[in-house]
Amino acid sequence: MLVKLVFVRAGLLSIALGATVASSSAVTPEVAKTCRALTAKAFPPREPGNPAAGSTKGSGRDQTSYFNKCVTNGGRVENDPAKQ
């Protein structure tokens, strides 16, 4: 009886998690390319061709946040740090 209860709970949990994962959508290559270009424009490198030199306008966390916001908005960004 206890084993059956454990399997039922595990099954319900896996169904719930599967439904949650299935509802998320994948990023299209076009959106990713657009957001990568917008991020590069908004956060230019200190030394061209040297990504290890960092950015002139923010940290890596700022760049990641900007990129994720762009992807969430489908390739559009409202607050452009390049204009600030």
N, C-alpha and C. Protein backbone atom coordinates (compact mmCIF):
# COMPACT_ATOMS: atom_id res chain seq x y z
N MET A 1 0.82 -1.19 0.00
CA MET A 1 0.00 0.00 0.00
C MET A 1 0.87 1.26 0.00
N LEU A 2 1.89 1.27 0.83
CA LEU A 2 2.78 2.43 0.91
C LEU A 2 3.55 2.63 -0.39
N VAL A 3 3.97 1.53 -0.99
CA VAL A 3 4.70 1.61 -2.26
C VAL A 3 3.81 2.19 -3.34
N LYS A 4 2.56 1.77 -3.36
CA LYS A 4 1.61 2.28 -4.35
C LYS A 4 1.41 3.78 -4.18
N LEU A 5 1.31 4.24 -2.95
CA LEU A 5 1.14 5.66 -2.65
C LEU A 5 2.35 6.46 -3.12
N VAL A 6 3.54 5.94 -2.91
CA VAL A 6 4.77 6.62 -3.35
C VAL A 6 4.79 6.74 -4.87
N PHE A 7 4.42 5.67 -5.58
CA PHE A 7 4.41 5.72 -7.04
C PHE A 7 3.34 6.68 -7.57
N VAL A 8 2.21 6.73 -6.93
CA VAL A 8 1.15 7.65 -7.35
C VAL A 8 1.61 9.09 -7.18
N ARG A 9 2.22 9.40 -6.04
CA ARG A 9 2.73 10.76 -5.81
C ARG A 9 3.83 11.12 -6.80
N ALA A 10 4.73 10.18 -7.06
CA ALA A 10 5.81 10.44 -8.02
C ALA A 10 5.24 10.67 -9.41
N GLY A 11 4.22 9.91 -9.78
CA GLY A 11 3.59 10.09 -11.09
C GLY A 11 2.91 11.44 -11.21
N LEU A 12 2.19 11.84 -10.17
CA LEU A 12 1.53 13.15 -10.19
C LEU A 12 2.55 14.29 -10.25
N LEU A 13 3.63 14.14 -9.53
CA LEU A 13 4.68 15.16 -9.55
C LEU A 13 5.31 15.26 -10.94
N SER A 14 5.57 14.14 -11.56
CA SER A 14 6.18 14.19 -12.89
C SER A 14 5.23 14.77 -13.93
N ILE A 15 3.93 14.51 -13.78
CA ILE A 15 2.96 15.10 -14.70
C ILE A 15 2.92 16.62 -14.51
N ALA A 16 2.93 17.06 -13.27
CA ALA A 16 2.90 18.50 -13.00
C ALA A 16 4.15 19.19 -13.54
N LEU A 17 5.30 18.59 -13.34
CA LEU A 17 6.54 19.18 -13.85
C LEU A 17 6.58 19.16 -15.36
N GLY A 18 6.08 18.10 -15.96
CA GLY A 18 6.05 18.00 -17.42
C GLY A 18 5.17 19.07 -18.03
N ALA A 19 4.05 19.35 -17.41
CA ALA A 19 3.16 20.39 -17.92
C ALA A 19 3.79 21.76 -17.81
N THR A 20 4.55 21.99 -16.76
CA THR A 20 5.22 23.28 -16.59
C THR A 20 6.31 23.46 -17.63
N VAL A 21 7.10 22.45 -17.86
CA VAL A 21 8.19 22.53 -18.83
C VAL A 21 7.65 22.66 -20.24
N ALA A 22 6.58 21.97 -20.55
CA ALA A 22 6.04 21.99 -21.90
C ALA A 22 5.47 23.35 -22.27
N SER A 23 5.06 24.15 -21.29
CA SER A 23 4.46 25.44 -21.59
C SER A 23 5.50 26.50 -21.98
N SER A 24 6.76 26.29 -21.66
CA SER A 24 7.78 27.27 -22.03
C SER A 24 8.14 27.09 -23.50
N SER A 25 8.44 28.21 -24.16
CA SER A 25 8.77 28.13 -25.58
C SER A 25 10.26 28.36 -25.79
N ALA A 26 10.76 27.84 -26.87
CA ALA A 26 12.17 27.98 -27.20
C ALA A 26 12.41 29.31 -27.90
N VAL A 27 13.63 29.79 -27.78
CA VAL A 27 14.02 31.03 -28.43
C VAL A 27 14.34 30.73 -29.89
N THR A 28 13.81 31.54 -30.79
CA THR A 28 14.09 31.34 -32.20
C THR A 28 15.48 31.89 -32.53
N PRO A 29 16.13 31.36 -33.54
CA PRO A 29 17.46 31.87 -33.92
C PRO A 29 17.43 33.35 -34.32
N GLU A 30 16.34 33.78 -34.94
CA GLU A 30 16.25 35.19 -35.36
C GLU A 30 16.24 36.12 -34.15
N VAL A 31 15.46 35.75 -33.13
CA VAL A 31 15.40 36.57 -31.92
C VAL A 31 16.75 36.59 -31.21
N ALA A 32 17.40 35.44 -31.14
CA ALA A 32 18.71 35.36 -30.48
C ALA A 32 19.75 36.21 -31.21
N LYS A 33 19.74 36.16 -32.55
CA LYS A 33 20.69 36.97 -33.33
C LYS A 33 20.42 38.46 -33.16
N THR A 34 19.14 38.83 -33.17
CA THR A 34 18.78 40.24 -32.99
C THR A 34 19.22 40.73 -31.62
N CYS A 35 18.94 39.93 -30.59
CA CYS A 35 19.30 40.34 -29.23
C CYS A 35 20.81 40.37 -29.02
N ARG A 36 21.52 39.45 -29.67
CA ARG A 36 22.98 39.47 -29.56
C ARG A 36 23.54 40.74 -30.19
N ALA A 37 22.99 41.14 -31.34
CA ALA A 37 23.45 42.36 -32.01
C ALA A 37 23.10 43.60 -31.18
N LEU A 38 21.90 43.63 -30.62
CA LEU A 38 21.50 44.77 -29.78
C LEU A 38 22.36 44.86 -28.52
N THR A 39 22.69 43.71 -27.94
CA THR A 39 23.54 43.69 -26.74
C THR A 39 24.94 44.18 -27.08
N ALA A 40 25.48 43.75 -28.20
CA ALA A 40 26.81 44.21 -28.61
C ALA A 40 26.83 45.71 -28.89
N LYS A 41 25.74 46.23 -29.43
CA LYS A 41 25.65 47.66 -29.70
C LYS A 41 25.51 48.46 -28.41
N ALA A 42 24.74 47.93 -27.47
CA ALA A 42 24.49 48.64 -26.21
C ALA A 42 25.68 48.58 -25.27
N PHE A 43 26.50 47.53 -25.37
CA PHE A 43 27.65 47.35 -24.49
C PHE A 43 28.91 47.13 -25.33
N PRO A 44 29.44 48.20 -25.93
CA PRO A 44 30.64 48.03 -26.78
C PRO A 44 31.86 47.61 -25.95
N PRO A 45 32.76 46.82 -26.55
CA PRO A 45 33.94 46.37 -25.82
C PRO A 45 34.96 47.49 -25.62
N ARG A 46 35.74 47.39 -24.55
CA ARG A 46 36.80 48.37 -24.30
C ARG A 46 37.87 48.30 -25.39
N GLU A 47 38.22 47.07 -25.75
CA GLU A 47 39.20 46.84 -26.82
C GLU A 47 38.52 46.00 -27.89
N PRO A 48 38.35 46.55 -29.08
CA PRO A 48 37.71 45.77 -30.15
C PRO A 48 38.46 44.47 -30.42
N GLY A 49 37.71 43.38 -30.50
CA GLY A 49 38.31 42.08 -30.77
C GLY A 49 38.80 41.36 -29.53
N ASN A 50 38.68 41.97 -28.35
CA ASN A 50 39.14 41.35 -27.12
C ASN A 50 37.99 41.31 -26.11
N PRO A 51 37.19 40.25 -26.12
CA PRO A 51 36.05 40.20 -25.21
C PRO A 51 36.45 40.12 -23.74
N ALA A 52 37.68 39.70 -23.47
CA ALA A 52 38.14 39.61 -22.09
C ALA A 52 38.41 40.98 -21.48
N ALA A 53 38.50 42.02 -22.30
CA ALA A 53 38.79 43.36 -21.80
C ALA A 53 37.58 43.98 -21.11
N GLY A 54 36.41 43.44 -21.35
CA GLY A 54 35.21 43.97 -20.71
C GLY A 54 34.52 44.99 -21.58
N SER A 55 33.49 45.59 -21.01
CA SER A 55 32.66 46.54 -21.74
C SER A 55 32.87 47.94 -21.19
N THR A 56 32.62 48.94 -22.03
CA THR A 56 32.75 50.33 -21.59
C THR A 56 31.52 50.80 -20.82
N LYS A 57 30.41 50.05 -20.89
CA LYS A 57 29.16 50.54 -20.32
C LYS A 57 28.50 49.64 -19.30
N GLY A 58 29.14 48.71 -18.72
CA GLY A 58 28.45 47.89 -17.73
C GLY A 58 29.17 46.58 -17.49
N SER A 59 28.61 45.82 -16.56
CA SER A 59 29.21 44.55 -16.19
C SER A 59 28.61 43.41 -17.02
N GLY A 60 29.15 42.25 -16.83
CA GLY A 60 28.61 41.06 -17.50
C GLY A 60 27.19 40.77 -17.05
N ARG A 61 26.91 41.05 -15.79
CA ARG A 61 25.56 40.84 -15.28
C ARG A 61 24.58 41.78 -15.99
N ASP A 62 25.00 43.02 -16.24
CA ASP A 62 24.15 43.97 -16.95
C ASP A 62 23.87 43.48 -18.38
N GLN A 63 24.90 42.96 -19.02
CA GLN A 63 24.75 42.46 -20.39
C GLN A 63 23.81 41.27 -20.43
N THR A 64 23.96 40.35 -19.49
CA THR A 64 23.10 39.18 -19.44
C THR A 64 21.66 39.58 -19.18
N SER A 65 21.46 40.51 -18.27
CA SER A 65 20.11 40.99 -17.97
C SER A 65 19.48 41.65 -19.20
N TYR A 66 20.26 42.45 -19.91
CA TYR A 66 19.79 43.13 -21.12
C TYR A 66 19.40 42.11 -22.19
N PHE A 67 20.25 41.11 -22.40
CA PHE A 67 19.98 40.08 -23.39
C PHE A 67 18.72 39.30 -23.03
N ASN A 68 18.59 38.90 -21.76
CA ASN A 68 17.42 38.13 -21.33
C ASN A 68 16.14 38.95 -21.47
N LYS A 69 16.21 40.24 -21.18
CA LYS A 69 15.04 41.11 -21.33
C LYS A 69 14.67 41.22 -22.82
N CYS A 70 15.66 41.31 -23.67
CA CYS A 70 15.43 41.38 -25.11
C CYS A 70 14.75 40.11 -25.61
N VAL A 71 15.24 38.95 -25.18
CA VAL A 71 14.66 37.67 -25.59
C VAL A 71 13.23 37.55 -25.07
N THR A 72 13.00 37.98 -23.83
CA THR A 72 11.66 37.92 -23.25
C THR A 72 10.68 38.78 -24.05
N ASN A 73 11.15 39.92 -24.55
CA ASN A 73 10.30 40.83 -25.32
C ASN A 73 10.28 40.51 -26.81
N GLY A 74 10.83 39.39 -27.21
CA GLY A 74 10.79 38.97 -28.61
C GLY A 74 11.69 39.77 -29.53
N GLY A 75 12.82 40.26 -29.02
CA GLY A 75 13.77 40.99 -29.86
C GLY A 75 13.65 42.50 -29.77
N ARG A 76 12.86 42.97 -28.84
CA ARG A 76 12.69 44.42 -28.65
C ARG A 76 13.14 44.79 -27.25
N VAL A 77 13.73 45.99 -27.12
CA VAL A 77 14.16 46.49 -25.81
C VAL A 77 13.64 47.91 -25.66
N GLU A 78 12.93 48.16 -24.54
CA GLU A 78 12.39 49.50 -24.32
C GLU A 78 13.47 50.47 -23.83
N ASN A 79 14.16 50.09 -22.76
CA ASN A 79 15.18 50.96 -22.17
C ASN A 79 16.55 50.59 -22.71
N ASP A 80 17.05 51.38 -23.63
CA ASP A 80 18.33 51.09 -24.27
C ASP A 80 19.44 51.79 -23.51
N PRO A 81 20.36 51.05 -22.83
CA PRO A 81 21.44 51.69 -22.09
C PRO A 81 22.43 52.43 -23.00
N ALA A 82 22.42 52.16 -24.28
CA ALA A 82 23.31 52.87 -25.19
C ALA A 82 22.89 54.33 -25.33
N LYS A 83 21.62 54.62 -25.09
CA LYS A 83 21.11 55.98 -25.21
C LYS A 83 21.19 56.76 -23.91
N GLN A 84 21.60 56.12 -22.82
CA GLN A 84 21.67 56.79 -21.53
C GLN A 84 22.97 57.53 -21.37
